[in-house]
Amino acid sequence: MATRYAYSIDLDRCIGCQACTVACKTGNEVPLYDEYIHVNDIVTGKLPALFGSFAHQRCFHCGDAPCVTVCPTGTLSKWNGLTIVEPEKCSSCGYCTDACPFKVPHIVDNHVSKCIACLELVKDGGTPWCATTCPSQAIKFGEREKILGDIKARAAQVKARFPNAQLYGENSLGGLGLITLLLDKPSVYGLPDDPQMPLTVNTWQKVVQPASVGLTLTAIATTFVAYFFARRQHMREKAELHAAHETPAAEKPAESEEKKNG
């Protein structure tokens, strides 16, 4: 059975230093005008009872990933729990962005762009750049079962100081590949309380995709029939032309004397 990988982010340990964003950009050679990870400051409440934290906007590597479901070209797919990208297949349709409950995939330079979990590093037995670089060890990466067990233990400790602390992503959408220890409600971090497969994705699976397949087959069949009749007509015309050239001179109608002498 293939290993299922996952990340965890402990927002009690995150210091907002941006080391993960810099390491990700450098390690993955992400263009300056793009990014896979975005970290925001979160401040809520009123003086003197202010609450401060950090929100990480990045791919959640959903177990049942809506972006993979709607991708018409196979650009997005799953590998050992991670949602990966083959940019050369992308048609820039943007369906993935519309389907994602977190609006993470985006189109840059005519192809989809998002975290690919440093795929080549992981395949070689390494650890993604963000987890390697994090100075406070807020970001972890490994087998999902172990990652989940460790972050659950941390959540039990953190609740003593943050009563609203909770794990985000344990079971949502087939279990997220990015499990986050939030210090407050998901809405405080700009996250949906209960991320779901959008209705449009269900419509795509049940109506649009089968219909598009049917229309494609119809188009192919129509094209074939048209080609067949055009080919047959061409062959008939060619045969008639060939026969005309081979007709003996004696069999050709004699020209009238008037025309000859005329």
Protein backbone atom coordinates (compact mmCIF):
# COMPACT_ATOMS: atom_id res chain seq x y z
CA MET A 1 0.00 0.00 0.00
CA ALA A 2 1.36 3.42 -0.98
CA THR A 3 2.39 5.85 1.73
CA ARG A 4 0.01 8.76 2.21
CA TYR A 5 1.93 11.95 2.94
CA ALA A 6 0.71 15.07 4.71
CA TYR A 7 1.81 18.36 6.23
CA SER A 8 0.85 19.83 9.59
CA ILE A 9 1.08 23.45 10.65
CA ASP A 10 1.09 24.32 14.34
CA LEU A 11 -0.04 27.95 14.55
CA ASP A 12 0.93 28.08 18.21
CA ARG A 13 4.53 27.67 17.07
CA CYS A 14 4.38 29.79 13.91
CA ILE A 15 6.23 33.10 14.36
CA GLY A 16 5.31 34.55 10.97
CA CYS A 17 8.93 34.84 9.90
CA GLN A 18 8.19 34.04 6.21
CA ALA A 19 11.10 31.57 6.05
CA CYS A 20 8.74 29.01 4.51
CA THR A 21 7.69 31.36 1.71
CA VAL A 22 11.28 32.28 0.85
CA ALA A 23 12.50 28.67 0.96
CA CYS A 24 9.58 27.55 -1.20
CA LYS A 25 10.25 30.23 -3.82
CA THR A 26 13.98 29.49 -3.92
CA GLY A 27 13.81 25.71 -3.80
CA ASN A 28 11.06 25.42 -6.40
CA GLU A 29 12.35 28.30 -8.55
CA VAL A 30 8.97 30.03 -8.36
CA PRO A 31 8.90 33.29 -10.37
CA LEU A 32 9.03 36.54 -8.38
CA TYR A 33 5.48 37.41 -9.45
CA ASP A 34 4.05 34.11 -8.14
CA GLU A 35 4.01 32.17 -4.86
CA TYR A 36 2.85 28.81 -3.51
CA ILE A 37 2.64 29.96 0.13
CA HIS A 38 1.26 33.22 1.47
CA VAL A 39 1.36 34.07 5.20
CA ASN A 40 -0.87 36.81 6.63
CA ASP A 41 -1.04 38.45 10.04
CA ILE A 42 -4.33 37.89 11.89
CA VAL A 43 -5.37 40.32 14.63
CA THR A 44 -8.84 40.26 16.21
CA GLY A 45 -10.52 41.54 19.35
CA LYS A 46 -10.28 44.91 21.11
CA LEU A 47 -7.74 46.36 23.47
CA PRO A 48 -6.66 45.10 25.86
CA ALA A 49 -7.96 41.67 24.73
CA LEU A 50 -6.30 41.38 21.32
CA PHE A 51 -5.70 38.04 19.63
CA GLY A 52 -2.86 37.65 17.14
CA SER A 53 -1.97 34.72 14.88
CA PHE A 54 -0.91 33.89 11.31
CA ALA A 55 -2.91 32.48 8.40
CA HIS A 56 -1.18 30.23 5.86
CA GLN A 57 -2.75 30.32 2.39
CA ARG A 58 -1.51 27.31 0.44
CA CYS A 59 -2.69 24.05 -1.11
CA PHE A 60 -4.49 21.75 1.33
CA HIS A 61 -3.89 18.60 -0.77
CA CYS A 62 -7.47 17.39 -0.30
CA GLY A 63 -7.98 13.64 -0.20
CA ASP A 64 -10.98 14.04 -2.52
CA ALA A 65 -9.65 17.01 -4.45
CA PRO A 66 -12.30 18.97 -6.40
CA CYS A 67 -9.58 20.47 -8.62
CA VAL A 68 -8.51 16.99 -9.74
CA THR A 69 -12.12 15.99 -10.38
CA VAL A 70 -12.84 18.87 -12.75
CA CYS A 71 -9.48 19.08 -14.55
CA PRO A 72 -10.26 18.13 -18.18
CA THR A 73 -6.64 17.53 -19.25
CA GLY A 74 -5.16 15.52 -16.36
CA THR A 75 -2.90 18.41 -15.33
CA LEU A 76 -3.85 17.89 -11.67
CA SER A 77 -3.67 14.42 -10.15
CA LYS A 78 -3.02 12.60 -6.87
CA TRP A 79 0.23 10.94 -5.85
CA ASN A 80 0.54 9.35 -2.39
CA GLY A 81 -1.97 11.79 -0.91
CA LEU A 82 -0.44 14.88 -2.54
CA THR A 83 -2.10 16.93 -5.28
CA ILE A 84 0.49 17.36 -8.01
CA VAL A 85 0.70 19.34 -11.24
CA GLU A 86 1.93 18.59 -14.78
CA PRO A 87 1.92 22.15 -16.18
CA GLU A 88 2.65 21.10 -19.76
CA LYS A 89 -0.83 19.52 -19.92
CA CYS A 90 -2.67 22.64 -18.72
CA SER A 91 -5.16 24.40 -21.01
CA SER A 92 -5.56 27.41 -18.66
CA CYS A 93 -9.30 26.76 -18.37
CA GLY A 94 -9.45 27.84 -14.70
CA TYR A 95 -11.93 25.13 -13.69
CA CYS A 96 -9.63 24.13 -10.80
CA THR A 97 -9.77 27.61 -9.27
CA ASP A 98 -13.56 27.68 -9.43
CA ALA A 99 -13.87 24.20 -7.91
CA CYS A 100 -11.38 24.63 -5.04
CA PRO A 101 -13.16 25.54 -1.75
CA PHE A 102 -10.00 27.46 -0.75
CA LYS A 103 -9.42 29.16 -4.14
CA VAL A 104 -5.77 28.08 -4.13
CA PRO A 105 -4.94 27.02 -7.72
CA HIS A 106 -4.34 30.01 -9.97
CA ILE A 107 -3.25 30.56 -13.56
CA VAL A 108 0.25 31.97 -14.14
CA ASP A 109 2.07 31.99 -17.49
CA ASN A 110 -0.78 30.03 -19.10
CA HIS A 111 -0.73 27.12 -16.67
CA VAL A 112 -2.04 26.28 -13.21
CA SER A 113 0.22 27.18 -10.29
CA LYS A 114 0.15 25.90 -6.71
CA CYS A 115 2.17 23.95 -4.12
CA ILE A 116 3.37 20.60 -5.48
CA ALA A 117 4.83 19.48 -2.12
CA CYS A 118 8.36 19.61 -3.57
CA LEU A 119 7.52 16.40 -5.40
CA GLU A 120 10.97 15.51 -6.70
CA LEU A 121 12.51 16.03 -3.26
CA VAL A 122 9.89 13.81 -1.64
CA LYS A 123 10.30 11.10 -4.30
CA ASP A 124 14.02 11.07 -3.47
CA GLY A 125 13.25 10.62 0.22
CA GLY A 126 13.68 14.29 1.17
CA THR A 127 11.48 16.80 3.00
CA PRO A 128 9.76 19.83 1.40
CA TRP A 129 11.63 23.13 1.67
CA CYS A 130 9.09 24.83 3.92
CA ALA A 131 9.25 22.09 6.58
CA THR A 132 13.05 21.87 6.40
CA THR A 133 13.49 25.62 6.83
CA CYS A 134 10.88 26.46 9.49
CA PRO A 135 12.96 27.69 12.48
CA SER A 136 10.21 27.10 15.06
CA GLN A 137 9.27 23.64 13.73
CA ALA A 138 5.72 24.81 13.14
CA ILE A 139 5.61 22.93 9.82
CA LYS A 140 6.00 19.16 9.74
CA PHE A 141 5.87 16.67 6.88
CA GLY A 142 5.71 12.89 6.75
CA GLU A 143 3.34 9.93 6.77
CA ARG A 144 -0.15 11.25 7.41
CA GLU A 145 -0.95 8.84 10.24
CA LYS A 146 2.09 9.95 12.26
CA ILE A 147 1.62 13.62 11.38
CA LEU A 148 -2.00 13.44 12.55
CA GLY A 149 -1.07 11.70 15.80
CA ASP A 150 1.60 14.29 16.64
CA ILE A 151 -0.58 17.32 15.90
CA LYS A 152 -3.46 15.85 17.92
CA ALA A 153 -1.15 15.60 20.92
CA ARG A 154 -0.14 19.24 20.43
CA ALA A 155 -3.80 20.30 20.18
CA ALA A 156 -4.51 18.76 23.59
CA GLN A 157 -1.71 20.85 25.11
CA VAL A 158 -2.64 24.09 23.35
CA LYS A 159 -6.30 23.97 24.41
CA ALA A 160 -5.28 24.85 27.97
CA ARG A 161 -4.26 28.32 26.71
CA PHE A 162 -6.57 28.65 23.69
CA PRO A 163 -10.01 27.13 24.46
CA ASN A 164 -11.13 27.50 20.83
CA ALA A 165 -8.08 25.66 19.47
CA GLN A 166 -8.97 22.91 17.01
CA LEU A 167 -7.58 20.71 14.26
CA TYR A 168 -8.59 21.68 10.76
CA GLY A 169 -8.72 19.08 8.00
CA GLU A 170 -8.66 15.71 9.74
CA ASN A 171 -11.74 14.39 7.91
CA SER A 172 -12.82 17.12 5.46
CA LEU A 173 -12.88 16.23 1.74
CA GLY A 174 -11.49 12.78 2.31
CA GLY A 175 -9.00 14.14 4.85
CA LEU A 176 -6.79 17.08 3.97
CA GLY A 177 -3.11 16.63 3.28
CA LEU A 178 -2.48 19.83 5.25
CA ILE A 179 -3.75 19.54 8.82
CA THR A 180 -3.65 22.82 10.71
CA LEU A 181 -3.77 23.46 14.44
CA LEU A 182 -5.89 26.61 14.58
CA LEU A 183 -5.97 28.72 17.73
CA ASP A 184 -9.50 29.96 17.03
CA LYS A 185 -12.47 29.31 14.75
CA PRO A 186 -11.73 28.65 11.05
CA SER A 187 -13.58 31.84 10.06
CA VAL A 188 -11.00 33.90 11.97
CA TYR A 189 -8.40 32.56 9.52
CA GLY A 190 -10.61 33.09 6.47
CA LEU A 191 -11.32 29.36 6.13
CA PRO A 192 -14.70 27.68 5.53
CA ASP A 193 -15.96 25.97 8.69
CA ASP A 194 -16.77 22.77 6.80
CA PRO A 195 -15.21 22.69 3.34
CA GLN A 196 -17.30 20.69 0.90
CA MET A 197 -17.15 19.51 -2.68
CA PRO A 198 -18.86 22.39 -4.53
CA LEU A 199 -22.22 21.71 -6.16
CA THR A 200 -20.70 22.67 -9.50
CA VAL A 201 -18.30 19.72 -9.22
CA ASN A 202 -21.17 17.30 -8.64
CA THR A 203 -22.92 18.81 -11.66
CA TRP A 204 -19.71 18.38 -13.67
CA GLN A 205 -19.43 14.71 -12.70
CA LYS A 206 -23.08 13.84 -13.31
CA VAL A 207 -24.09 16.08 -16.21
CA VAL A 208 -21.42 18.17 -17.97
CA GLN A 209 -18.63 15.60 -18.22
CA PRO A 210 -20.83 12.75 -19.55
CA ALA A 211 -22.53 15.20 -21.92
CA SER A 212 -19.20 16.49 -23.19
CA VAL A 213 -18.04 12.91 -23.79
CA GLY A 214 -21.27 12.22 -25.69
CA LEU A 215 -20.89 15.37 -27.78
CA THR A 216 -17.28 14.47 -28.54
CA LEU A 217 -18.27 11.00 -29.72
CA THR A 218 -21.10 12.47 -31.81
CA ALA A 219 -18.67 14.96 -33.38
CA ILE A 220 -16.23 12.16 -34.19
CA ALA A 221 -18.99 10.03 -35.73
CA THR A 222 -20.30 12.97 -37.78
CA THR A 223 -16.82 13.78 -39.03
CA PHE A 224 -16.26 10.16 -40.05
CA VAL A 225 -19.56 9.97 -41.98
CA ALA A 226 -18.81 13.26 -43.75
CA TYR A 227 -15.34 12.00 -44.65
CA PHE A 228 -16.75 8.73 -45.96
CA PHE A 229 -19.24 10.41 -48.33
CA ALA A 230 -16.71 13.03 -49.46
CA ARG A 231 -14.17 10.28 -50.13
CA ARG A 232 -16.69 8.23 -52.12
CA GLN A 233 -17.70 11.25 -54.20
CA HIS A 234 -14.03 12.04 -54.88
CA MET A 235 -13.34 8.48 -56.00
CA ARG A 236 -16.38 8.54 -58.36
CA GLU A 237 -15.25 11.80 -59.94
CA LYS A 238 -11.70 10.48 -60.31
CA ALA A 239 -12.97 7.30 -62.01
CA GLU A 240 -15.11 9.27 -64.46
CA LEU A 241 -12.18 11.56 -65.34
CA HIS A 242 -9.90 8.56 -65.84
CA ALA A 243 -12.46 6.87 -68.10
CA ALA A 244 -12.85 10.00 -70.20
CA HIS A 245 -9.11 10.16 -70.87
CA GLU A 246 -8.95 6.51 -71.94
CA THR A 247 -11.85 6.65 -74.47
CA PRO A 248 -10.48 5.65 -77.99
CA ALA A 249 -10.49 8.36 -80.60
CA ALA A 250 -12.70 6.19 -82.89
CA GLU A 251 -15.39 6.08 -80.26
CA LYS A 252 -15.48 9.84 -79.98
CA PRO A 253 -18.36 11.50 -81.89
CA ALA A 254 -17.24 12.60 -85.37
CA GLU A 255 -17.07 16.29 -85.90
CA SER A 256 -19.53 17.58 -88.47
CA GLU A 257 -18.18 18.39 -91.87
CA GLU A 258 -19.46 21.87 -91.52
CA LYS A 259 -17.37 22.38 -88.36
CA LYS A 260 -14.32 20.82 -90.05
CA ASN A 261 -14.52 22.96 -93.11
CA GLY A 262 -15.89 25.85 -91.42
